Amino acid sequence: MSAVTQKLDRIFQRTSQLMELCEALQQENKLLRAENLQQKQALDHTKKLNLELDEKIRLLKLAKSIDGADEKTLDIKQKINEFVREIDKCVMLLKK
């Protein structure tokens, strides 16, 4: 009878250990999922910022390509600069 009791005790101990391990793994899984979500959000933010910067580069190239000193050209350059400043303001608001 003693051998059966010892075997049952070992089974209960192992079951308890497995339950503790399972709980620890579930906690680790929860933390990893939260970290994964943060990384995805950071990646999305970086992609948006990259698109905004690409648009800014495009506008700057356009402004640079416009050459000359006549009144129309200066007016266009001023409007482009206004657009760039407005985009910068929007980016700053998004960062807040």
PDB file of N, CA and C in Angstrom:
ATOM      1  N   MET A   1       0.808  -1.179   0.000  1.00  0.00           N
ATOM      2  CA  MET A   1       0.000   0.000   0.000  1.00  0.00           C
ATOM      3  C   MET A   1       0.863   1.259   0.000  1.00  0.00           C
ATOM      4  N   SER A   2       1.986   1.182   0.646  1.00  0.00           N
ATOM      5  CA  SER A   2       2.916   2.295   0.738  1.00  0.00           C
ATOM      6  C   SER A   2       3.455   2.672  -0.639  1.00  0.00           C
ATOM      7  N   ALA A   3       3.735   1.693  -1.498  1.00  0.00           N
ATOM      8  CA  ALA A   3       4.258   1.964  -2.836  1.00  0.00           C
ATOM      9  C   ALA A   3       3.216   2.701  -3.677  1.00  0.00           C
ATOM     10  N   VAL A   4       1.975   2.330  -3.525  1.00  0.00           N
ATOM     11  CA  VAL A   4       0.901   2.985  -4.280  1.00  0.00           C
ATOM     12  C   VAL A   4       0.761   4.441  -3.811  1.00  0.00           C
ATOM     13  N   THR A   5       0.858   4.663  -2.530  1.00  0.00           N
ATOM     14  CA  THR A   5       0.763   6.023  -1.971  1.00  0.00           C
ATOM     15  C   THR A   5       1.912   6.875  -2.462  1.00  0.00           C
ATOM     16  N   GLN A   6       3.116   6.323  -2.513  1.00  0.00           N
ATOM     17  CA  GLN A   6       4.282   7.057  -3.000  1.00  0.00           C
ATOM     18  C   GLN A   6       4.116   7.425  -4.478  1.00  0.00           C
ATOM     19  N   LYS A   7       3.597   6.476  -5.261  1.00  0.00           N
ATOM     20  CA  LYS A   7       3.388   6.738  -6.687  1.00  0.00           C
ATOM     21  C   LYS A   7       2.346   7.835  -6.879  1.00  0.00           C
ATOM     22  N   LEU A   8       1.293   7.789  -6.081  1.00  0.00           N
ATOM     23  CA  LEU A   8       0.273   8.835  -6.169  1.00  0.00           C
ATOM     24  C   LEU A   8       0.842  10.196  -5.779  1.00  0.00           C
ATOM     25  N   ASP A   9       1.675  10.218  -4.745  1.00  0.00           N
ATOM     26  CA  ASP A   9       2.310  11.471  -4.325  1.00  0.00           C
ATOM     27  C   ASP A   9       3.177  12.038  -5.448  1.00  0.00           C
ATOM     28  N   ARG A  10       3.939  11.179  -6.108  1.00  0.00           N
ATOM     29  CA  ARG A  10       4.772  11.626  -7.230  1.00  0.00           C
ATOM     30  C   ARG A  10       3.919  12.157  -8.381  1.00  0.00           C
ATOM     31  N   ILE A  11       2.807  11.479  -8.636  1.00  0.00           N
ATOM     32  CA  ILE A  11       1.903  11.938  -9.706  1.00  0.00           C
ATOM     33  C   ILE A  11       1.352  13.315  -9.361  1.00  0.00           C
ATOM     34  N   PHE A  12       0.951  13.505  -8.121  1.00  0.00           N
ATOM     35  CA  PHE A  12       0.429  14.814  -7.693  1.00  0.00           C
ATOM     36  C   PHE A  12       1.509  15.892  -7.765  1.00  0.00           C
ATOM     37  N   GLN A  13       2.727  15.543  -7.372  1.00  0.00           N
ATOM     38  CA  GLN A  13       3.824  16.506  -7.438  1.00  0.00           C
ATOM     39  C   GLN A  13       4.112  16.915  -8.885  1.00  0.00           C
ATOM     40  N   ARG A  14       4.167  15.916  -9.751  1.00  0.00           N
ATOM     41  CA  ARG A  14       4.441  16.221 -11.166  1.00  0.00           C
ATOM     42  C   ARG A  14       3.303  17.030 -11.782  1.00  0.00           C
ATOM     43  N   THR A  15       2.074  16.683 -11.411  1.00  0.00           N
ATOM     44  CA  THR A  15       0.924  17.439 -11.910  1.00  0.00           C
ATOM     45  C   THR A  15       1.004  18.885 -11.442  1.00  0.00           C
ATOM     46  N   SER A  16       1.366  19.068 -10.190  1.00  0.00           N
ATOM     47  CA  SER A  16       1.509  20.424  -9.647  1.00  0.00           C
ATOM     48  C   SER A  16       2.620  21.178 -10.378  1.00  0.00           C
ATOM     49  N   GLN A  17       3.732  20.522 -10.635  1.00  0.00           N
ATOM     50  CA  GLN A  17       4.839  21.158 -11.361  1.00  0.00           C
ATOM     51  C   GLN A  17       4.417  21.541 -12.777  1.00  0.00           C
ATOM     52  N   LEU A  18       3.679  20.641 -13.423  1.00  0.00           N
ATOM     53  CA  LEU A  18       3.214  20.930 -14.785  1.00  0.00           C
ATOM     54  C   LEU A  18       2.234  22.099 -14.799  1.00  0.00           C
ATOM     55  N   MET A  19       1.398  22.179 -13.804  1.00  0.00           N
ATOM     56  CA  MET A  19       0.450  23.291 -13.728  1.00  0.00           C
ATOM     57  C   MET A  19       1.187  24.616 -13.514  1.00  0.00           C
ATOM     58  N   GLU A  20       2.219  24.601 -12.669  1.00  0.00           N
ATOM     59  CA  GLU A  20       3.019  25.808 -12.445  1.00  0.00           C
ATOM     60  C   GLU A  20       3.749  26.221 -13.720  1.00  0.00           C
ATOM     61  N   LEU A  21       4.302  25.232 -14.416  1.00  0.00           N
ATOM     62  CA  LEU A  21       4.985  25.506 -15.673  1.00  0.00           C
ATOM     63  C   LEU A  21       4.018  26.068 -16.700  1.00  0.00           C
ATOM     64  N   CYS A  22       2.842  25.502 -16.763  1.00  0.00           N
ATOM     65  CA  CYS A  22       1.822  25.975 -17.701  1.00  0.00           C
ATOM     66  C   CYS A  22       1.452  27.426 -17.403  1.00  0.00           C
ATOM     67  N   GLU A  23       1.276  27.759 -16.147  1.00  0.00           N
ATOM     68  CA  GLU A  23       0.942  29.130 -15.752  1.00  0.00           C
ATOM     69  C   GLU A  23       2.071  30.096 -16.104  1.00  0.00           C
ATOM     70  N   ALA A  24       3.303  29.675 -15.854  1.00  0.00           N
ATOM     71  CA  ALA A  24       4.448  30.525 -16.190  1.00  0.00           C
ATOM     72  C   ALA A  24       4.527  30.758 -17.699  1.00  0.00           C
ATOM     73  N   LEU A  25       4.282  29.720 -18.461  1.00  0.00           N
ATOM     74  CA  LEU A  25       4.321  29.852 -19.921  1.00  0.00           C
ATOM     75  C   LEU A  25       3.188  30.746 -20.426  1.00  0.00           C
ATOM     76  N   GLN A  26       2.043  30.657 -19.787  1.00  0.00           N
ATOM     77  CA  GLN A  26       0.934  31.527 -20.176  1.00  0.00           C
ATOM     78  C   GLN A  26       1.262  32.995 -19.892  1.00  0.00           C
ATOM     79  N   GLN A  27       1.904  33.257 -18.765  1.00  0.00           N
ATOM     80  CA  GLN A  27       2.309  34.620 -18.437  1.00  0.00           C
ATOM     81  C   GLN A  27       3.346  35.136 -19.446  1.00  0.00           C
ATOM     82  N   GLU A  28       4.303  34.286 -19.771  1.00  0.00           N
ATOM     83  CA  GLU A  28       5.320  34.676 -20.748  1.00  0.00           C
ATOM     84  C   GLU A  28       4.682  34.948 -22.110  1.00  0.00           C
ATOM     85  N   ASN A  29       3.732  34.114 -22.490  1.00  0.00           N
ATOM     86  CA  ASN A  29       3.024  34.291 -23.756  1.00  0.00           C
ATOM     87  C   ASN A  29       2.279  35.625 -23.764  1.00  0.00           C
ATOM     88  N   LYS A  30       1.647  35.956 -22.653  1.00  0.00           N
ATOM     89  CA  LYS A  30       0.922  37.221 -22.538  1.00  0.00           C
ATOM     90  C   LYS A  30       1.872  38.413 -22.703  1.00  0.00           C
ATOM     91  N   LEU A  31       3.026  38.335 -22.049  1.00  0.00           N
ATOM     92  CA  LEU A  31       4.020  39.414 -22.171  1.00  0.00           C
ATOM     93  C   LEU A  31       4.547  39.539 -23.597  1.00  0.00           C
ATOM     94  N   LEU A  32       4.798  38.405 -24.226  1.00  0.00           N
ATOM     95  CA  LEU A  32       5.313  38.430 -25.595  1.00  0.00           C
ATOM     96  C   LEU A  32       4.277  38.988 -26.569  1.00  0.00           C
ATOM     97  N   ARG A  33       3.018  38.674 -26.336  1.00  0.00           N
ATOM     98  CA  ARG A  33       1.961  39.228 -27.195  1.00  0.00           C
ATOM     99  C   ARG A  33       1.868  40.745 -27.035  1.00  0.00           C
ATOM    100  N   ALA A  34       1.995  41.228 -25.808  1.00  0.00           N
ATOM    101  CA  ALA A  34       1.953  42.670 -25.566  1.00  0.00           C
ATOM    102  C   ALA A  34       3.151  43.352 -26.237  1.00  0.00           C
ATOM    103  N   GLU A  35       4.314  42.751 -26.132  1.00  0.00           N
ATOM    104  CA  GLU A  35       5.512  43.301 -26.764  1.00  0.00           C
ATOM    105  C   GLU A  35       5.364  43.304 -28.280  1.00  0.00           C
ATOM    106  N   ASN A  36       4.789  42.235 -28.808  1.00  0.00           N
ATOM    107  CA  ASN A  36       4.565  42.132 -30.248  1.00  0.00           C
ATOM    108  C   ASN A  36       3.627  43.242 -30.719  1.00  0.00           C
ATOM    109  N   LEU A  37       2.582  43.503 -29.954  1.00  0.00           N
ATOM    110  CA  LEU A  37       1.647  44.568 -30.301  1.00  0.00           C
ATOM    111  C   LEU A  37       2.345  45.928 -30.303  1.00  0.00           C
ATOM    112  N   GLN A  38       3.180  46.170 -29.309  1.00  0.00           N
ATOM    113  CA  GLN A  38       3.921  47.434 -29.253  1.00  0.00           C
ATOM    114  C   GLN A  38       4.842  47.575 -30.465  1.00  0.00           C
ATOM    115  N   GLN A  39       5.499  46.491 -30.827  1.00  0.00           N
ATOM    116  CA  GLN A  39       6.404  46.538 -31.977  1.00  0.00           C
ATOM    117  C   GLN A  39       5.633  46.824 -33.264  1.00  0.00           C
ATOM    118  N   LYS A  40       4.451  46.226 -33.406  1.00  0.00           N
ATOM    119  CA  LYS A  40       3.626  46.474 -34.592  1.00  0.00           C
ATOM    120  C   LYS A  40       3.187  47.926 -34.645  1.00  0.00           C
ATOM    121  N   GLN A  41       2.805  48.483 -33.502  1.00  0.00           N
ATOM    122  CA  GLN A  41       2.399  49.887 -33.461  1.00  0.00           C
ATOM    123  C   GLN A  41       3.566  50.803 -33.806  1.00  0.00           C
ATOM    124  N   ALA A  42       4.735  50.484 -33.296  1.00  0.00           N
ATOM    125  CA  ALA A  42       5.921  51.282 -33.603  1.00  0.00           C
ATOM    126  C   ALA A  42       6.249  51.206 -35.099  1.00  0.00           C
ATOM    127  N   LEU A  43       6.094  50.019 -35.664  1.00  0.00           N
ATOM    128  CA  LEU A  43       6.358  49.846 -37.094  1.00  0.00           C
ATOM    129  C   LEU A  43       5.357  50.648 -37.922  1.00  0.00           C
ATOM    130  N   ASP A  44       4.078  50.615 -37.545  1.00  0.00           N
ATOM    131  CA  ASP A  44       3.064  51.387 -38.255  1.00  0.00           C
ATOM    132  C   ASP A  44       3.381  52.883 -38.193  1.00  0.00           C
ATOM    133  N   HIS A  45       3.777  53.338 -37.012  1.00  0.00           N
ATOM    134  CA  HIS A  45       4.118  54.760 -36.858  1.00  0.00           C
ATOM    135  C   HIS A  45       5.309  55.122 -37.737  1.00  0.00           C
ATOM    136  N   THR A  46       6.297  54.256 -37.778  1.00  0.00           N
ATOM    137  CA  THR A  46       7.484  54.506 -38.594  1.00  0.00           C
ATOM    138  C   THR A  46       7.126  54.531 -40.079  1.00  0.00           C
ATOM    139  N   LYS A  47       6.242  53.644 -40.492  1.00  0.00           N
ATOM    140  CA  LYS A  47       5.821  53.627 -41.895  1.00  0.00           C
ATOM    141  C   LYS A  47       5.105  54.921 -42.262  1.00  0.00           C
ATOM    142  N   LYS A  48       4.230  55.393 -41.369  1.00  0.00           N
ATOM    143  CA  LYS A  48       3.519  56.643 -41.640  1.00  0.00           C
ATOM    144  C   LYS A  48       4.496  57.807 -41.734  1.00  0.00           C
ATOM    145  N   LEU A  49       5.430  57.839 -40.814  1.00  0.00           N
ATOM    146  CA  LEU A  49       6.431  58.908 -40.821  1.00  0.00           C
ATOM    147  C   LEU A  49       7.266  58.850 -42.094  1.00  0.00           C
ATOM    148  N   ASN A  50       7.604  57.662 -42.519  1.00  0.00           N
ATOM    149  CA  ASN A  50       8.381  57.478 -43.748  1.00  0.00           C
ATOM    150  C   ASN A  50       7.603  58.008 -44.957  1.00  0.00           C
ATOM    151  N   LEU A  51       6.312  57.715 -45.018  1.00  0.00           N
ATOM    152  CA  LEU A  51       5.496  58.211 -46.127  1.00  0.00           C
ATOM    153  C   LEU A  51       5.437  59.739 -46.119  1.00  0.00           C
ATOM    154  N   GLU A  52       5.300  60.320 -44.931  1.00  0.00           N
ATOM    155  CA  GLU A  52       5.263  61.775 -44.830  1.00  0.00           C
ATOM    156  C   GLU A  52       6.585  62.387 -45.280  1.00  0.00           C
ATOM    157  N   LEU A  53       7.669  61.771 -44.874  1.00  0.00           N
ATOM    158  CA  LEU A  53       8.982  62.286 -45.278  1.00  0.00           C
ATOM    159  C   LEU A  53       9.208  62.127 -46.773  1.00  0.00           C
ATOM    160  N   ASP A  54       8.728  61.032 -47.345  1.00  0.00           N
ATOM    161  CA  ASP A  54       8.837  60.850 -48.793  1.00  0.00           C
ATOM    162  C   ASP A  54       8.072  61.948 -49.531  1.00  0.00           C
ATOM    163  N   GLU A  55       6.894  62.285 -49.018  1.00  0.00           N
ATOM    164  CA  GLU A  55       6.103  63.349 -49.629  1.00  0.00           C
ATOM    165  C   GLU A  55       6.820  64.694 -49.505  1.00  0.00           C
ATOM    166  N   LYS A  56       7.435  64.909 -48.359  1.00  0.00           N
ATOM    167  CA  LYS A  56       8.187  66.147 -48.151  1.00  0.00           C
ATOM    168  C   LYS A  56       9.367  66.225 -49.126  1.00  0.00           C
ATOM    169  N   ILE A  57      10.051  65.125 -49.304  1.00  0.00           N
ATOM    170  CA  ILE A  57      11.174  65.087 -50.258  1.00  0.00           C
ATOM    171  C   ILE A  57      10.676  65.382 -51.670  1.00  0.00           C
ATOM    172  N   ARG A  58       9.543  64.792 -52.022  1.00  0.00           N
ATOM    173  CA  ARG A  58       8.976  65.024 -53.359  1.00  0.00           C
ATOM    174  C   ARG A  58       8.671  66.509 -53.557  1.00  0.00           C
ATOM    175  N   LEU A  59       8.067  67.125 -52.539  1.00  0.00           N
ATOM    176  CA  LEU A  59       7.750  68.550 -52.644  1.00  0.00           C
ATOM    177  C   LEU A  59       9.011  69.410 -52.719  1.00  0.00           C
ATOM    178  N   LEU A  60      10.009  69.028 -51.941  1.00  0.00           N
ATOM    179  CA  LEU A  60      11.262  69.786 -51.981  1.00  0.00           C
ATOM    180  C   LEU A  60      11.958  69.653 -53.337  1.00  0.00           C
ATOM    181  N   LYS A  61      11.915  68.463 -53.915  1.00  0.00           N
ATOM    182  CA  LYS A  61      12.498  68.276 -55.245  1.00  0.00           C
ATOM    183  C   LYS A  61      11.751  69.099 -56.282  1.00  0.00           C
ATOM    184  N   LEU A  62      10.429  69.128 -56.128  1.00  0.00           N
ATOM    185  CA  LEU A  62       9.623  69.921 -57.043  1.00  0.00           C
ATOM    186  C   LEU A  62       9.975  71.398 -56.915  1.00  0.00           C
ATOM    187  N   ALA A  63      10.107  71.853 -55.672  1.00  0.00           N
ATOM    188  CA  ALA A  63      10.458  73.254 -55.444  1.00  0.00           C
ATOM    189  C   ALA A  63      11.838  73.568 -56.000  1.00  0.00           C
ATOM    190  N   LYS A  64      12.751  72.631 -55.855  1.00  0.00           N
ATOM    191  CA  LYS A  64      14.117  72.840 -56.332  1.00  0.00           C
ATOM    192  C   LYS A  64      14.173  72.838 -57.861  1.00  0.00           C
ATOM    193  N   SER A  65      13.295  72.053 -58.467  1.00  0.00           N
ATOM    194  CA  SER A  65      13.315  71.955 -59.924  1.00  0.00           C
ATOM    195  C   SER A  65      12.764  73.215 -60.592  1.00  0.00           C
ATOM    196  N   ILE A  66      11.965  73.941 -59.838  1.00  0.00           N
ATOM    197  CA  ILE A  66      11.426  75.179 -60.395  1.00  0.00           C
ATOM    198  C   ILE A  66      12.529  76.230 -60.324  1.00  0.00           C
ATOM    199  N   ASP A  67      12.979  76.620 -61.461  1.00  0.00           N
ATOM    200  CA  ASP A  67      14.100  77.564 -61.506  1.00  0.00           C
ATOM    201  C   ASP A  67      13.632  78.881 -62.108  1.00  0.00           C
ATOM    202  N   GLY A  68      14.285  79.930 -61.771  1.00  0.00           N
ATOM    203  CA  GLY A  68      13.952  81.235 -62.326  1.00  0.00           C
ATOM    204  C   GLY A  68      13.586  82.197 -61.222  1.00  0.00           C
ATOM    205  N   ALA A  69      13.467  83.445 -61.590  1.00  0.00           N
ATOM    206  CA  ALA A  69      13.207  84.465 -60.583  1.00  0.00           C
ATOM    207  C   ALA A  69      11.951  85.260 -60.897  1.00  0.00           C
ATOM    208  N   ASP A  70      11.157  84.800 -61.880  1.00  0.00           N
ATOM    209  CA  ASP A  70       9.965  85.584 -62.176  1.00  0.00           C
ATOM    210  C   ASP A  70       8.939  85.456 -61.044  1.00  0.00           C
ATOM    211  N   GLU A  71       7.952  86.291 -61.092  1.00  0.00           N
ATOM    212  CA  GLU A  71       6.981  86.394 -60.000  1.00  0.00           C
ATOM    213  C   GLU A  71       6.192  85.105 -59.801  1.00  0.00           C
ATOM    214  N   LYS A  72       5.813  84.441 -60.895  1.00  0.00           N
ATOM    215  CA  LYS A  72       5.055  83.189 -60.793  1.00  0.00           C
ATOM    216  C   LYS A  72       5.866  82.117 -60.069  1.00  0.00           C
ATOM    217  N   THR A  73       7.121  82.008 -60.423  1.00  0.00           N
ATOM    218  CA  THR A  73       7.989  81.001 -59.820  1.00  0.00           C
ATOM    219  C   THR A  73       8.146  81.255 -58.326  1.00  0.00           C
ATOM    220  N   LEU A  74       8.351  82.497 -57.968  1.00  0.00           N
ATOM    221  CA  LEU A  74       8.483  82.818 -56.550  1.00  0.00           C
ATOM    222  C   LEU A  74       7.193  82.509 -55.792  1.00  0.00           C
ATOM    223  N   ASP A  75       6.069  82.807 -56.419  1.00  0.00           N
ATOM    224  CA  ASP A  75       4.778  82.529 -55.796  1.00  0.00           C
ATOM    225  C   ASP A  75       4.592  81.024 -55.587  1.00  0.00           C
ATOM    226  N   ILE A  76       4.978  80.245 -56.587  1.00  0.00           N
ATOM    227  CA  ILE A  76       4.867  78.785 -56.481  1.00  0.00           C
ATOM    228  C   ILE A  76       5.777  78.264 -55.378  1.00  0.00           C
ATOM    229  N   LYS A  77       7.005  78.791 -55.326  1.00  0.00           N
ATOM    230  CA  LYS A  77       7.933  78.353 -54.281  1.00  0.00           C
ATOM    231  C   LYS A  77       7.392  78.696 -52.895  1.00  0.00           C
ATOM    232  N   GLN A  78       6.797  79.868 -52.752  1.00  0.00           N
ATOM    233  CA  GLN A  78       6.234  80.255 -51.464  1.00  0.00           C
ATOM    234  C   GLN A  78       5.085  79.328 -51.069  1.00  0.00           C
ATOM    235  N   LYS A  79       4.247  78.999 -52.032  1.00  0.00           N
ATOM    236  CA  LYS A  79       3.129  78.092 -51.741  1.00  0.00           C
ATOM    237  C   LYS A  79       3.642  76.709 -51.338  1.00  0.00           C
ATOM    238  N   ILE A  80       4.654  76.239 -52.017  1.00  0.00           N
ATOM    239  CA  ILE A  80       5.228  74.937 -51.675  1.00  0.00           C
ATOM    240  C   ILE A  80       5.827  74.982 -50.279  1.00  0.00           C
ATOM    241  N   ASN A  81       6.518  76.063 -49.973  1.00  0.00           N
ATOM    242  CA  ASN A  81       7.078  76.195 -48.625  1.00  0.00           C
ATOM    243  C   ASN A  81       5.980  76.240 -47.566  1.00  0.00           C
ATOM    244  N   GLU A  82       4.878  76.893 -47.880  1.00  0.00           N
ATOM    245  CA  GLU A  82       3.736  76.910 -46.956  1.00  0.00           C
ATOM    246  C   GLU A  82       3.196  75.498 -46.746  1.00  0.00           C
ATOM    247  N   PHE A  83       3.097  74.738 -47.840  1.00  0.00           N
ATOM    248  CA  PHE A  83       2.620  73.359 -47.724  1.00  0.00           C
ATOM    249  C   PHE A  83       3.558  72.533 -46.844  1.00  0.00           C
ATOM    250  N   VAL A  84       4.840  72.715 -47.041  1.00  0.00           N
ATOM    251  CA  VAL A  84       5.827  71.966 -46.252  1.00  0.00           C
ATOM    252  C   VAL A  84       5.707  72.333 -44.778  1.00  0.00           C
ATOM    253  N   ARG A  85       5.567  73.640 -44.499  1.00  0.00           N
ATOM    254  CA  ARG A  85       5.398  74.062 -43.102  1.00  0.00           C
ATOM    255  C   ARG A  85       4.113  73.481 -42.505  1.00  0.00           C
ATOM    256  N   GLU A  86       3.055  73.449 -43.289  1.00  0.00           N
ATOM    257  CA  GLU A  86       1.779  72.889 -42.816  1.00  0.00           C
ATOM    258  C   GLU A  86       1.920  71.392 -42.535  1.00  0.00           C
ATOM    259  N   ILE A  87       2.638  70.706 -43.392  1.00  0.00           N
ATOM    260  CA  ILE A  87       2.888  69.273 -43.169  1.00  0.00           C
ATOM    261  C   ILE A  87       3.700  69.084 -41.899  1.00  0.00           C
ATOM    262  N   ASP A  88       4.702  69.925 -41.695  1.00  0.00           N
ATOM    263  CA  ASP A  88       5.508  69.841 -40.470  1.00  0.00           C
ATOM    264  C   ASP A  88       4.643  70.048 -39.232  1.00  0.00           C
ATOM    265  N   LYS A  89       3.733  71.012 -39.302  1.00  0.00           N
ATOM    266  CA  LYS A  89       2.832  71.243 -38.169  1.00  0.00           C
ATOM    267  C   LYS A  89       1.969  70.008 -37.909  1.00  0.00           C
ATOM    268  N   CYS A  90       1.461  69.407 -38.961  1.00  0.00           N
ATOM    269  CA  CYS A  90       0.622  68.208 -38.816  1.00  0.00           C
ATOM    270  C   CYS A  90       1.420  67.060 -38.200  1.00  0.00           C
ATOM    271  N   VAL A  91       2.653  66.903 -38.639  1.00  0.00           N
ATOM    272  CA  VAL A  91       3.507  65.839 -38.080  1.00  0.00           C
ATOM    273  C   VAL A  91       3.727  66.083 -36.605  1.00  0.00           C
ATOM    274  N   MET A  92       3.979  67.325 -36.221  1.00  0.00           N
ATOM    275  CA  MET A  92       4.191  67.631 -34.805  1.00  0.00           C
ATOM    276  C   MET A  92       2.941  67.364 -33.987  1.00  0.00           C
ATOM    277  N   LEU A  93       1.773  67.677 -34.545  1.00  0.00           N
ATOM    278  CA  LEU A  93       0.506  67.408 -33.840  1.00  0.00           C
ATOM    279  C   LEU A  93       0.285  65.902 -33.688  1.00  0.00           C
ATOM    280  N   LEU A  94       0.673  65.158 -34.693  1.00  0.00           N
ATOM    281  CA  LEU A  94       0.506  63.700 -34.635  1.00  0.00           C
ATOM    282  C   LEU A  94       1.413  63.087 -33.588  1.00  0.00           C
ATOM    283  N   LYS A  95       2.583  63.679 -33.377  1.00  0.00           N
ATOM    284  CA  LYS A  95       3.522  63.156 -32.397  1.00  0.00           C
ATOM    285  C   LYS A  95       3.040  63.382 -30.966  1.00  0.00           C
ATOM    286  N   LYS A  96       2.188  64.379 -30.764  1.00  0.00           N
ATOM    287  CA  LYS A  96       1.686  64.657 -29.422  1.00  0.00           C
ATOM    288  C   LYS A  96       0.686  63.645 -29.099  1.00  0.00           C
TER     289      LYS A  96
END
